[in-house]
C-alpha atoms as a PDB file:
ATOM      1  CA  UNK A   1      -1.108   3.289 -23.351  1.00  0.00           C
ATOM      2  CA  UNK A   2      -4.561   3.061 -24.754  1.00  0.00           C
ATOM      3  CA  UNK A   3      -7.858   4.304 -23.498  1.00  0.00           C
ATOM      4  CA  UNK A   4     -11.392   3.549 -24.558  1.00  0.00           C
ATOM      5  CA  UNK A   5     -12.849   4.657 -27.861  1.00  0.00           C
ATOM      6  CA  UNK A   6     -11.188   8.060 -27.374  1.00  0.00           C
ATOM      7  CA  UNK A   7      -7.666   6.632 -27.563  1.00  0.00           C
ATOM      8  CA  UNK A   8      -4.747   7.150 -25.204  1.00  0.00           C
ATOM      9  CA  UNK A   9      -5.580   8.923 -21.939  1.00  0.00           C
ATOM     10  CA  UNK A  10      -3.505   7.298 -19.214  1.00  0.00           C
ATOM     11  CA  UNK A  11      -0.054   6.139 -18.294  1.00  0.00           C
ATOM     12  CA  UNK A  12       1.483   3.245 -16.425  1.00  0.00           C
ATOM     13  CA  UNK A  13       4.079   3.502 -13.689  1.00  0.00           C
ATOM     14  CA  UNK A  14       5.965   0.539 -12.233  1.00  0.00           C
ATOM     15  CA  UNK A  15       7.720   1.762  -9.092  1.00  0.00           C
ATOM     16  CA  UNK A  16       9.993  -0.110  -6.703  1.00  0.00           C
ATOM     17  CA  UNK A  17      11.971   0.979  -3.678  1.00  0.00           C
ATOM     18  CA  UNK A  18      12.872  -0.263  -0.224  1.00  0.00           C
ATOM     19  CA  UNK A  19      13.650   0.842   3.310  1.00  0.00           C
ATOM     20  CA  UNK A  20      14.768  -0.732   6.569  1.00  0.00           C
ATOM     21  CA  UNK A  21      13.031  -0.988   9.927  1.00  0.00           C
ATOM     22  CA  UNK A  22      14.416  -2.020  13.338  1.00  0.00           C
ATOM     23  CA  UNK A  23      11.855  -4.856  13.575  1.00  0.00           C
ATOM     24  CA  UNK A  24      11.919  -8.456  12.464  1.00  0.00           C
ATOM     25  CA  UNK A  25       9.949  -9.110   9.299  1.00  0.00           C
ATOM     26  CA  UNK A  26       7.384 -11.070  11.352  1.00  0.00           C
ATOM     27  CA  UNK A  27       6.897  -8.138  13.746  1.00  0.00           C
ATOM     28  CA  UNK A  28       6.696  -5.567  10.935  1.00  0.00           C
ATOM     29  CA  UNK A  29       4.487  -7.537   8.538  1.00  0.00           C
ATOM     30  CA  UNK A  30       1.074  -6.619   9.941  1.00  0.00           C
ATOM     31  CA  UNK A  31       1.945  -2.911   9.722  1.00  0.00           C
ATOM     32  CA  UNK A  32       1.369  -3.346   5.966  1.00  0.00           C
ATOM     33  CA  UNK A  33      -2.089  -4.890   6.212  1.00  0.00           C
ATOM     34  CA  UNK A  34      -5.423  -3.088   6.063  1.00  0.00           C
ATOM     35  CA  UNK A  35      -5.870  -3.032   9.828  1.00  0.00           C
ATOM     36  CA  UNK A  36      -2.190  -2.587  10.638  1.00  0.00           C
ATOM     37  CA  UNK A  37      -1.894   0.587   8.581  1.00  0.00           C
ATOM     38  CA  UNK A  38      -4.571   2.173  10.779  1.00  0.00           C
ATOM     39  CA  UNK A  39      -1.898   2.362  13.483  1.00  0.00           C
ATOM     40  CA  UNK A  40       0.500   4.638  11.600  1.00  0.00           C
ATOM     41  CA  UNK A  41      -1.181   6.073   8.471  1.00  0.00           C
ATOM     42  CA  UNK A  42      -3.140   9.259   9.264  1.00  0.00           C
ATOM     43  CA  UNK A  43      -6.650   9.074   7.858  1.00  0.00           C
ATOM     44  CA  UNK A  44      -6.381   5.385   6.882  1.00  0.00           C
ATOM     45  CA  UNK A  45      -9.758   3.848   7.707  1.00  0.00           C
ATOM     46  CA  UNK A  46     -10.470   0.579   5.894  1.00  0.00           C
ATOM     47  CA  UNK A  47     -14.133  -0.313   5.510  1.00  0.00           C
ATOM     48  CA  UNK A  48     -14.753  -4.040   5.141  1.00  0.00           C
ATOM     49  CA  UNK A  49     -17.757  -5.560   3.410  1.00  0.00           C
ATOM     50  CA  UNK A  50     -17.732  -8.696   5.594  1.00  0.00           C
ATOM     51  CA  UNK A  51     -17.885  -8.370   9.370  1.00  0.00           C
ATOM     52  CA  UNK A  52     -14.649  -9.645  10.988  1.00  0.00           C
ATOM     53  CA  UNK A  53     -13.011 -10.174   7.581  1.00  0.00           C
ATOM     54  CA  UNK A  54      -9.464 -11.523   7.762  1.00  0.00           C
ATOM     55  CA  UNK A  55      -7.287  -8.838   6.148  1.00  0.00           C
ATOM     56  CA  UNK A  56      -4.700 -11.511   5.250  1.00  0.00           C
ATOM     57  CA  UNK A  57      -7.073 -13.896   3.487  1.00  0.00           C
ATOM     58  CA  UNK A  58      -6.817 -14.027  -0.298  1.00  0.00           C
ATOM     59  CA  UNK A  59      -9.945 -12.486  -1.769  1.00  0.00           C
ATOM     60  CA  UNK A  60     -10.710 -10.175   1.165  1.00  0.00           C
ATOM     61  CA  UNK A  61     -12.084  -6.835  -0.069  1.00  0.00           C
ATOM     62  CA  UNK A  62     -12.217  -3.442   1.633  1.00  0.00           C
ATOM     63  CA  UNK A  63     -12.389   0.214   0.693  1.00  0.00           C
ATOM     64  CA  UNK A  64     -10.658   3.411   1.766  1.00  0.00           C
ATOM     65  CA  UNK A  65     -11.022   7.081   0.894  1.00  0.00           C
ATOM     66  CA  UNK A  66      -8.037   9.260   0.061  1.00  0.00           C
ATOM     67  CA  UNK A  67      -7.465  12.876   1.071  1.00  0.00           C
ATOM     68  CA  UNK A  68      -9.521  13.973  -1.954  1.00  0.00           C
ATOM     69  CA  UNK A  69     -12.393  11.679  -0.885  1.00  0.00           C
ATOM     70  CA  UNK A  70     -11.795   9.290  -3.800  1.00  0.00           C
ATOM     71  CA  UNK A  71     -12.973   5.763  -3.098  1.00  0.00           C
ATOM     72  CA  UNK A  72     -10.362   3.012  -3.495  1.00  0.00           C
ATOM     73  CA  UNK A  73     -11.229  -0.689  -3.495  1.00  0.00           C
ATOM     74  CA  UNK A  74      -8.555  -3.119  -2.303  1.00  0.00           C
ATOM     75  CA  UNK A  75      -8.398  -6.915  -2.738  1.00  0.00           C
ATOM     76  CA  UNK A  76      -5.856  -9.310  -1.218  1.00  0.00           C
ATOM     77  CA  UNK A  77      -4.356 -11.189  -4.195  1.00  0.00           C
ATOM     78  CA  UNK A  78      -1.512 -13.087  -2.529  1.00  0.00           C
ATOM     79  CA  UNK A  79      -0.333 -13.358   1.044  1.00  0.00           C
ATOM     80  CA  UNK A  80       2.489 -15.189   2.766  1.00  0.00           C
ATOM     81  CA  UNK A  81       2.177 -14.020   6.387  1.00  0.00           C
ATOM     82  CA  UNK A  82       5.430 -12.605   7.697  1.00  0.00           C
ATOM     83  CA  UNK A  83       6.951 -12.452   4.214  1.00  0.00           C
ATOM     84  CA  UNK A  84       4.805 -10.554   1.749  1.00  0.00           C
ATOM     85  CA  UNK A  85       1.428  -9.474   0.505  1.00  0.00           C
ATOM     86  CA  UNK A  86       0.078  -8.258  -2.836  1.00  0.00           C
ATOM     87  CA  UNK A  87      -3.047  -6.172  -3.247  1.00  0.00           C
ATOM     88  CA  UNK A  88      -5.114  -5.104  -6.207  1.00  0.00           C
ATOM     89  CA  UNK A  89      -6.268  -1.509  -5.836  1.00  0.00           C
ATOM     90  CA  UNK A  90      -8.742   0.417  -7.953  1.00  0.00           C
ATOM     91  CA  UNK A  91      -9.325   4.110  -7.310  1.00  0.00           C
ATOM     92  CA  UNK A  92     -12.545   4.770  -9.200  1.00  0.00           C
ATOM     93  CA  UNK A  93     -12.037   6.772 -12.390  1.00  0.00           C
ATOM     94  CA  UNK A  94      -8.416   7.409 -11.380  1.00  0.00           C
ATOM     95  CA  UNK A  95      -5.905   4.516 -11.178  1.00  0.00           C
ATOM     96  CA  UNK A  96      -5.854   0.734 -11.055  1.00  0.00           C
ATOM     97  CA  UNK A  97      -3.092  -1.734 -10.372  1.00  0.00           C
ATOM     98  CA  UNK A  98      -1.252  -3.617  -7.664  1.00  0.00           C
ATOM     99  CA  UNK A  99       0.747  -2.897  -4.531  1.00  0.00           C
ATOM    100  CA  UNK A 100       3.256  -5.474  -3.309  1.00  0.00           C
ATOM    101  CA  UNK A 101       5.073  -5.440   0.030  1.00  0.00           C
ATOM    102  CA  UNK A 102       7.861  -7.959   0.702  1.00  0.00           C
ATOM    103  CA  UNK A 103       9.919  -8.247   3.878  1.00  0.00           C
ATOM    104  CA  UNK A 104      13.255  -9.910   4.590  1.00  0.00           C
ATOM    105  CA  UNK A 105      15.148 -10.164   7.849  1.00  0.00           C
ATOM    106  CA  UNK A 106      18.494  -8.391   7.897  1.00  0.00           C
ATOM    107  CA  UNK A 107      20.943  -7.753  10.691  1.00  0.00           C
ATOM    108  CA  UNK A 108      19.247  -5.439  13.170  1.00  0.00           C
ATOM    109  CA  UNK A 109      15.801  -5.535  11.597  1.00  0.00           C
ATOM    110  CA  UNK A 110      14.140  -6.052   8.253  1.00  0.00           C
ATOM    111  CA  UNK A 111      14.172  -4.734   4.709  1.00  0.00           C
ATOM    112  CA  UNK A 112      10.796  -3.702   3.308  1.00  0.00           C
ATOM    113  CA  UNK A 113      10.441  -3.697  -0.480  1.00  0.00           C
ATOM    114  CA  UNK A 114       7.390  -1.919  -1.869  1.00  0.00           C
ATOM    115  CA  UNK A 115       6.262  -2.027  -5.494  1.00  0.00           C
ATOM    116  CA  UNK A 116       3.419  -0.091  -7.057  1.00  0.00           C
ATOM    117  CA  UNK A 117       2.274  -1.019 -10.572  1.00  0.00           C
ATOM    118  CA  UNK A 118      -0.402   1.520 -11.425  1.00  0.00           C
ATOM    119  CA  UNK A 119      -2.190   2.582 -14.570  1.00  0.00           C
ATOM    120  CA  UNK A 120      -3.916   5.952 -14.721  1.00  0.00           C
ATOM    121  CA  UNK A 121      -7.318   5.815 -16.369  1.00  0.00           C
ATOM    122  CA  UNK A 122      -7.743   9.521 -17.168  1.00  0.00           C
ATOM    123  CA  UNK A 123      -5.561  12.363 -18.377  1.00  0.00           C
ATOM    124  CA  UNK A 124      -5.748  14.099 -14.975  1.00  0.00           C
ATOM    125  CA  UNK A 125      -4.848  10.854 -13.231  1.00  0.00           C
ATOM    126  CA  UNK A 126      -1.893  10.408 -15.596  1.00  0.00           C
ATOM    127  CA  UNK A 127      -0.470  13.761 -14.516  1.00  0.00           C
ATOM    128  CA  UNK A 128      -1.060  12.870 -10.861  1.00  0.00           C
ATOM    129  CA  UNK A 129       0.596   9.461 -11.350  1.00  0.00           C
ATOM    130  CA  UNK A 130       3.631  11.145 -12.934  1.00  0.00           C
ATOM    131  CA  UNK A 131       3.984  13.342  -9.818  1.00  0.00           C
ATOM    132  CA  UNK A 132       3.604  10.269  -7.593  1.00  0.00           C
ATOM    133  CA  UNK A 133       6.325   8.453  -9.559  1.00  0.00           C
ATOM    134  CA  UNK A 134       8.670  11.440  -9.290  1.00  0.00           C
ATOM    135  CA  UNK A 135       8.214  11.518  -5.514  1.00  0.00           C
ATOM    136  CA  UNK A 136       8.100   7.768  -4.900  1.00  0.00           C
ATOM    137  CA  UNK A 137      11.370   7.525  -2.946  1.00  0.00           C
ATOM    138  CA  UNK A 138      10.286  10.406  -0.709  1.00  0.00           C
ATOM    139  CA  UNK A 139       6.855   8.790  -0.296  1.00  0.00           C
ATOM    140  CA  UNK A 140       8.413   5.584   1.037  1.00  0.00           C
ATOM    141  CA  UNK A 141      10.773   7.597   3.239  1.00  0.00           C
ATOM    142  CA  UNK A 142       7.616   9.120   4.764  1.00  0.00           C
ATOM    143  CA  UNK A 143       6.300   5.601   5.428  1.00  0.00           C
ATOM    144  CA  UNK A 144       9.509   4.761   7.272  1.00  0.00           C
ATOM    145  CA  UNK A 145       9.438   7.983   9.287  1.00  0.00           C
ATOM    146  CA  UNK A 146       5.778   7.499  10.222  1.00  0.00           C
ATOM    147  CA  UNK A 147       6.438   3.937  11.388  1.00  0.00           C
ATOM    148  CA  UNK A 148       9.534   4.958  13.383  1.00  0.00           C
ATOM    149  CA  UNK A 149       7.582   7.838  14.965  1.00  0.00           C
ATOM    150  CA  UNK A 150       4.813   5.388  15.856  1.00  0.00           C
ATOM    151  CA  UNK A 151       7.329   3.037  17.468  1.00  0.00           C
ATOM    152  CA  UNK A 152       9.112   5.863  19.322  1.00  0.00           C
ATOM    153  CA  UNK A 153       5.826   7.105  20.777  1.00  0.00           C
ATOM    154  CA  UNK A 154       5.079   3.656  22.196  1.00  0.00           C
ATOM    155  CA  UNK A 155       2.240   3.154  19.717  1.00  0.00           C
ATOM    156  CA  UNK A 156       0.369  -0.141  19.605  1.00  0.00           C
ATOM    157  CA  UNK A 157       1.783  -2.956  17.524  1.00  0.00           C
ATOM    158  CA  UNK A 158      -0.223  -5.745  15.941  1.00  0.00           C
ATOM    159  CA  UNK A 159       0.566  -9.301  16.953  1.00  0.00           C
ATOM    160  CA  UNK A 160       3.411 -10.820  14.915  1.00  0.00           C
ATOM    161  CA  UNK A 161       2.494 -13.519  12.396  1.00  0.00           C
END
């Protein structure tokens, strides 16, 4: 880990885990897009720079704010609708890296594999990233619970791809 002229300040975390949903991969896929996450992630409000931007198109850019009001810029790097998507994400003066979501059909639903590859850009962010890494499995379990709660409540679903 190296920083700017001041030397080492950050850390890198490569995190992978998975969970299952009672949906086909095609039905579940859009839940992991910028607009799809609005349905089940509290406080998730993507702000697009281009009116009517396609949140599956490679190169599409949007921003979100986290619970600490930090601005995060997202860019679609790769997308195979119904199968997987990879995003670049840069939280200003905090972390930068990629998020990958891959889906496979299994009996009774789909398996969702999620990988975060993040580098902290400050000492404070490094400590925060270490906490995130320690709780990564629980974090993805919360994703699953939130999606299942959304489904159980009859929440809207995006069109399958």
